[in-house]
Amino acid sequence: MDDLKIRQKCEDMIAYGYVAVRQFPKVERHVLAQEVRTTMWAILRLIIITNKRYHKKTTMQDLDAELDLLRSQIRISMELKYLPFAKYEVWSHHVDEIGRMIGGWFRSLA
């Protein structure tokens, strides 16, 4: 049941991310914004794959790495002033919540 909750949280994060990325400058829409969108979809894909796999450990490590990459991309977007601090806070809260859920999921496997 936890995997369904994490999937819904990830979908909510993607929906918020799309709104936040829309206000990036035109120059960055096809570079950094596309990378962020690709990373968010990769996280959702890995959540679904992890749920379906029997041996989940390596896929969960990939999922954790993608989540860390997304954190860095969001932080860089804020530092470059493409993302207002308020949106950065909300978005990073979504990402941290997913990270906590992944950690709990990982601990339940051990």
N, C-alpha and C. Protein backbone atom coordinates (compact mmCIF):
# COMPACT_ATOMS: atom_id res chain seq x y z
N MET A 1 0.82 -1.20 0.00
CA MET A 1 0.00 0.00 0.00
C MET A 1 0.86 1.26 0.00
N ASP A 2 2.05 1.19 0.65
CA ASP A 2 2.93 2.36 0.70
C ASP A 2 3.39 2.78 -0.69
N ASP A 3 3.60 1.79 -1.57
CA ASP A 3 4.06 2.12 -2.90
C ASP A 3 3.02 2.91 -3.67
N LEU A 4 1.74 2.67 -3.41
CA LEU A 4 0.69 3.44 -4.06
C LEU A 4 0.69 4.88 -3.55
N LYS A 5 0.95 5.06 -2.27
CA LYS A 5 1.02 6.42 -1.71
C LYS A 5 2.21 7.18 -2.30
N ILE A 6 3.34 6.50 -2.40
CA ILE A 6 4.53 7.18 -2.93
C ILE A 6 4.31 7.51 -4.41
N ARG A 7 3.61 6.66 -5.12
CA ARG A 7 3.31 6.94 -6.53
C ARG A 7 2.43 8.18 -6.66
N GLN A 8 1.42 8.29 -5.79
CA GLN A 8 0.53 9.46 -5.82
C GLN A 8 1.29 10.73 -5.45
N LYS A 9 2.17 10.62 -4.45
CA LYS A 9 2.98 11.79 -4.05
C LYS A 9 3.90 12.22 -5.20
N CYS A 10 4.45 11.26 -5.91
CA CYS A 10 5.32 11.58 -7.04
C CYS A 10 4.52 12.25 -8.15
N GLU A 11 3.32 11.76 -8.42
CA GLU A 11 2.48 12.39 -9.44
C GLU A 11 2.11 13.81 -9.05
N ASP A 12 1.85 14.03 -7.75
CA ASP A 12 1.57 15.39 -7.27
C ASP A 12 2.79 16.29 -7.45
N MET A 13 3.98 15.75 -7.16
CA MET A 13 5.21 16.51 -7.31
C MET A 13 5.45 16.87 -8.77
N ILE A 14 5.16 15.94 -9.68
CA ILE A 14 5.33 16.21 -11.11
C ILE A 14 4.38 17.32 -11.55
N ALA A 15 3.13 17.25 -11.08
CA ALA A 15 2.16 18.29 -11.44
C ALA A 15 2.63 19.66 -10.96
N TYR A 16 3.14 19.74 -9.73
CA TYR A 16 3.64 21.01 -9.21
C TYR A 16 4.88 21.45 -9.98
N GLY A 17 5.76 20.49 -10.30
CA GLY A 17 6.98 20.81 -11.02
C GLY A 17 6.72 21.39 -12.39
N TYR A 18 5.72 20.88 -13.08
CA TYR A 18 5.39 21.41 -14.40
C TYR A 18 4.95 22.87 -14.31
N VAL A 19 4.18 23.20 -13.28
CA VAL A 19 3.75 24.59 -13.10
C VAL A 19 4.95 25.47 -12.78
N ALA A 20 5.84 24.99 -11.92
CA ALA A 20 7.01 25.78 -11.52
C ALA A 20 7.98 25.98 -12.69
N VAL A 21 8.15 24.97 -13.51
CA VAL A 21 9.10 25.03 -14.62
C VAL A 21 8.59 25.95 -15.73
N ARG A 22 7.28 26.13 -15.80
CA ARG A 22 6.69 26.97 -16.85
C ARG A 22 7.20 28.40 -16.80
N GLN A 23 7.63 28.86 -15.64
CA GLN A 23 8.07 30.25 -15.54
C GLN A 23 9.58 30.41 -15.69
N PHE A 24 10.27 29.35 -16.08
CA PHE A 24 11.70 29.47 -16.39
C PHE A 24 11.85 30.40 -17.59
N PRO A 25 13.00 31.06 -17.73
CA PRO A 25 13.22 31.90 -18.91
C PRO A 25 13.18 31.06 -20.19
N LYS A 26 12.83 31.71 -21.28
CA LYS A 26 12.68 31.01 -22.55
C LYS A 26 13.97 30.28 -22.96
N VAL A 27 15.10 30.85 -22.64
CA VAL A 27 16.39 30.25 -22.98
C VAL A 27 16.57 28.89 -22.30
N GLU A 28 16.08 28.76 -21.08
CA GLU A 28 16.29 27.54 -20.30
C GLU A 28 15.16 26.53 -20.42
N ARG A 29 14.09 26.85 -21.11
CA ARG A 29 12.96 25.93 -21.18
C ARG A 29 13.31 24.62 -21.86
N HIS A 30 14.23 24.66 -22.80
CA HIS A 30 14.57 23.45 -23.54
C HIS A 30 15.86 22.81 -23.05
N VAL A 31 16.44 23.36 -21.99
CA VAL A 31 17.67 22.79 -21.46
C VAL A 31 17.43 22.32 -20.04
N LEU A 32 17.55 23.22 -19.07
CA LEU A 32 17.40 22.84 -17.67
C LEU A 32 15.98 22.38 -17.36
N ALA A 33 14.99 23.07 -17.89
CA ALA A 33 13.60 22.69 -17.62
C ALA A 33 13.31 21.29 -18.15
N GLN A 34 13.83 20.98 -19.33
CA GLN A 34 13.62 19.65 -19.90
C GLN A 34 14.33 18.58 -19.08
N GLU A 35 15.51 18.89 -18.59
CA GLU A 35 16.25 17.95 -17.73
C GLU A 35 15.47 17.66 -16.45
N VAL A 36 14.90 18.71 -15.85
CA VAL A 36 14.11 18.55 -14.63
C VAL A 36 12.90 17.67 -14.91
N ARG A 37 12.19 17.95 -16.01
CA ARG A 37 11.02 17.13 -16.35
C ARG A 37 11.41 15.68 -16.59
N THR A 38 12.51 15.46 -17.29
CA THR A 38 12.98 14.10 -17.56
C THR A 38 13.31 13.37 -16.26
N THR A 39 13.95 14.05 -15.34
CA THR A 39 14.30 13.45 -14.05
C THR A 39 13.05 13.10 -13.25
N MET A 40 12.05 13.98 -13.26
CA MET A 40 10.81 13.69 -12.53
C MET A 40 10.12 12.44 -13.09
N TRP A 41 10.08 12.33 -14.43
CA TRP A 41 9.45 11.17 -15.05
C TRP A 41 10.28 9.91 -14.77
N ALA A 42 11.60 10.04 -14.70
CA ALA A 42 12.45 8.89 -14.39
C ALA A 42 12.18 8.39 -12.97
N ILE A 43 11.94 9.32 -12.05
CA ILE A 43 11.62 8.93 -10.67
C ILE A 43 10.32 8.15 -10.64
N LEU A 44 9.29 8.65 -11.32
CA LEU A 44 8.02 7.93 -11.36
C LEU A 44 8.19 6.56 -12.00
N ARG A 45 8.95 6.49 -13.08
CA ARG A 45 9.20 5.21 -13.76
C ARG A 45 9.88 4.23 -12.81
N LEU A 46 10.88 4.70 -12.06
CA LEU A 46 11.60 3.82 -11.13
C LEU A 46 10.73 3.38 -9.96
N ILE A 47 9.81 4.23 -9.52
CA ILE A 47 8.88 3.83 -8.46
C ILE A 47 8.01 2.67 -8.95
N ILE A 48 7.50 2.79 -10.16
CA ILE A 48 6.65 1.74 -10.71
C ILE A 48 7.45 0.45 -10.92
N ILE A 49 8.67 0.56 -11.46
CA ILE A 49 9.50 -0.61 -11.69
C ILE A 49 9.87 -1.28 -10.37
N THR A 50 10.22 -0.48 -9.37
CA THR A 50 10.59 -1.03 -8.06
C THR A 50 9.42 -1.80 -7.46
N ASN A 51 8.23 -1.28 -7.61
CA ASN A 51 7.05 -1.94 -7.08
C ASN A 51 6.84 -3.31 -7.73
N LYS A 52 7.17 -3.43 -9.01
CA LYS A 52 6.93 -4.67 -9.74
C LYS A 52 8.05 -5.70 -9.58
N ARG A 53 9.24 -5.28 -9.18
CA ARG A 53 10.38 -6.18 -9.10
C ARG A 53 10.33 -7.03 -7.83
N TYR A 54 10.90 -8.23 -7.95
CA TYR A 54 11.03 -9.10 -6.78
C TYR A 54 12.24 -8.68 -5.95
N HIS A 55 13.39 -8.45 -6.62
CA HIS A 55 14.59 -7.96 -5.95
C HIS A 55 14.64 -6.45 -6.17
N LYS A 56 14.35 -5.69 -5.15
CA LYS A 56 14.14 -4.26 -5.28
C LYS A 56 15.36 -3.40 -4.98
N LYS A 57 16.39 -3.96 -4.35
CA LYS A 57 17.47 -3.16 -3.78
C LYS A 57 18.20 -2.29 -4.82
N THR A 58 18.63 -2.85 -5.94
CA THR A 58 19.39 -2.06 -6.92
C THR A 58 18.52 -1.00 -7.57
N THR A 59 17.27 -1.33 -7.84
CA THR A 59 16.36 -0.35 -8.44
C THR A 59 16.09 0.78 -7.46
N MET A 60 16.00 0.46 -6.17
CA MET A 60 15.79 1.50 -5.17
C MET A 60 17.00 2.40 -5.05
N GLN A 61 18.19 1.86 -5.23
CA GLN A 61 19.39 2.68 -5.22
C GLN A 61 19.39 3.64 -6.42
N ASP A 62 18.94 3.15 -7.57
CA ASP A 62 18.81 4.03 -8.74
C ASP A 62 17.78 5.12 -8.48
N LEU A 63 16.68 4.75 -7.84
CA LEU A 63 15.63 5.71 -7.49
C LEU A 63 16.16 6.79 -6.56
N ASP A 64 16.93 6.38 -5.57
CA ASP A 64 17.52 7.34 -4.64
C ASP A 64 18.49 8.29 -5.34
N ALA A 65 19.25 7.75 -6.29
CA ALA A 65 20.20 8.59 -7.04
C ALA A 65 19.45 9.61 -7.91
N GLU A 66 18.36 9.19 -8.56
CA GLU A 66 17.56 10.12 -9.39
C GLU A 66 16.95 11.21 -8.52
N LEU A 67 16.49 10.84 -7.33
CA LEU A 67 15.90 11.83 -6.43
C LEU A 67 16.95 12.86 -6.00
N ASP A 68 18.16 12.40 -5.76
CA ASP A 68 19.25 13.31 -5.39
C ASP A 68 19.59 14.24 -6.55
N LEU A 69 19.55 13.71 -7.78
CA LEU A 69 19.78 14.54 -8.96
C LEU A 69 18.71 15.61 -9.07
N LEU A 70 17.45 15.24 -8.84
CA LEU A 70 16.36 16.23 -8.89
C LEU A 70 16.55 17.31 -7.85
N ARG A 71 16.97 16.94 -6.65
CA ARG A 71 17.23 17.94 -5.60
C ARG A 71 18.27 18.95 -6.08
N SER A 72 19.32 18.45 -6.70
CA SER A 72 20.38 19.34 -7.19
C SER A 72 19.87 20.25 -8.29
N GLN A 73 19.09 19.72 -9.21
CA GLN A 73 18.56 20.52 -10.30
C GLN A 73 17.64 21.63 -9.78
N ILE A 74 16.82 21.30 -8.81
CA ILE A 74 15.91 22.30 -8.25
C ILE A 74 16.70 23.38 -7.51
N ARG A 75 17.72 22.95 -6.76
CA ARG A 75 18.54 23.92 -6.02
C ARG A 75 19.29 24.85 -6.99
N ILE A 76 19.84 24.29 -8.06
CA ILE A 76 20.55 25.11 -9.05
C ILE A 76 19.59 26.08 -9.72
N SER A 77 18.37 25.63 -10.01
CA SER A 77 17.36 26.51 -10.61
C SER A 77 17.07 27.70 -9.71
N MET A 78 16.99 27.44 -8.41
CA MET A 78 16.73 28.53 -7.46
C MET A 78 17.94 29.47 -7.38
N GLU A 79 19.15 28.89 -7.36
CA GLU A 79 20.37 29.72 -7.27
C GLU A 79 20.55 30.59 -8.51
N LEU A 80 20.13 30.10 -9.66
CA LEU A 80 20.23 30.88 -10.90
C LEU A 80 19.07 31.87 -11.06
N LYS A 81 18.21 31.92 -10.06
CA LYS A 81 17.06 32.84 -10.03
C LYS A 81 16.00 32.50 -11.08
N TYR A 82 15.96 31.25 -11.52
CA TYR A 82 14.90 30.82 -12.44
C TYR A 82 13.65 30.42 -11.67
N LEU A 83 13.84 30.12 -10.40
CA LEU A 83 12.76 29.62 -9.55
C LEU A 83 12.69 30.48 -8.30
N PRO A 84 11.54 31.09 -8.01
CA PRO A 84 11.42 31.89 -6.79
C PRO A 84 11.59 31.01 -5.54
N PHE A 85 12.05 31.61 -4.47
CA PHE A 85 12.34 30.86 -3.25
C PHE A 85 11.08 30.17 -2.71
N ALA A 86 9.94 30.80 -2.81
CA ALA A 86 8.70 30.20 -2.29
C ALA A 86 8.37 28.91 -3.04
N LYS A 87 8.50 28.92 -4.35
CA LYS A 87 8.25 27.71 -5.14
C LYS A 87 9.31 26.66 -4.87
N TYR A 88 10.54 27.10 -4.65
CA TYR A 88 11.62 26.18 -4.31
C TYR A 88 11.29 25.46 -3.01
N GLU A 89 10.79 26.20 -2.02
CA GLU A 89 10.44 25.60 -0.73
C GLU A 89 9.36 24.54 -0.87
N VAL A 90 8.30 24.88 -1.60
CA VAL A 90 7.19 23.94 -1.76
C VAL A 90 7.66 22.70 -2.52
N TRP A 91 8.39 22.92 -3.62
CA TRP A 91 8.84 21.81 -4.44
C TRP A 91 9.81 20.91 -3.67
N SER A 92 10.73 21.51 -2.93
CA SER A 92 11.69 20.71 -2.16
C SER A 92 10.98 19.96 -1.04
N HIS A 93 9.88 20.52 -0.52
CA HIS A 93 9.08 19.80 0.48
C HIS A 93 8.50 18.53 -0.15
N HIS A 94 7.98 18.64 -1.37
CA HIS A 94 7.47 17.47 -2.09
C HIS A 94 8.57 16.42 -2.25
N VAL A 95 9.74 16.86 -2.67
CA VAL A 95 10.86 15.95 -2.93
C VAL A 95 11.32 15.30 -1.63
N ASP A 96 11.40 16.08 -0.54
CA ASP A 96 11.82 15.52 0.76
C ASP A 96 10.82 14.49 1.26
N GLU A 97 9.55 14.74 1.06
CA GLU A 97 8.53 13.79 1.47
C GLU A 97 8.68 12.46 0.71
N ILE A 98 8.94 12.55 -0.58
CA ILE A 98 9.17 11.34 -1.38
C ILE A 98 10.44 10.64 -0.90
N GLY A 99 11.47 11.41 -0.58
CA GLY A 99 12.72 10.84 -0.06
C GLY A 99 12.51 10.09 1.24
N ARG A 100 11.70 10.64 2.14
CA ARG A 100 11.40 9.96 3.39
C ARG A 100 10.64 8.66 3.15
N MET A 101 9.73 8.69 2.19
CA MET A 101 8.97 7.49 1.87
C MET A 101 9.88 6.42 1.26
N ILE A 102 10.82 6.83 0.41
CA ILE A 102 11.77 5.88 -0.17
C ILE A 102 12.64 5.27 0.93
N GLY A 103 13.08 6.10 1.86
CA GLY A 103 13.89 5.60 2.98
C GLY A 103 13.14 4.57 3.81
N GLY A 104 11.89 4.84 4.09
CA GLY A 104 11.07 3.88 4.85
C GLY A 104 10.87 2.60 4.06
N TRP A 105 10.64 2.73 2.78
CA TRP A 105 10.46 1.57 1.91
C TRP A 105 11.74 0.73 1.89
N PHE A 106 12.88 1.41 1.80
CA PHE A 106 14.18 0.73 1.77
C PHE A 106 14.43 -0.01 3.09
N ARG A 107 14.12 0.64 4.21
CA ARG A 107 14.31 0.01 5.51
C ARG A 107 13.40 -1.21 5.68
N SER A 108 12.21 -1.15 5.10
CA SER A 108 11.28 -2.28 5.25
C SER A 108 11.77 -3.52 4.48
N LEU A 109 12.65 -3.31 3.49
CA LEU A 109 13.18 -4.43 2.71
C LEU A 109 14.31 -5.14 3.45
N ALA A 110 15.03 -4.40 4.28
CA ALA A 110 16.21 -4.99 4.96
C ALA A 110 15.85 -5.89 6.10
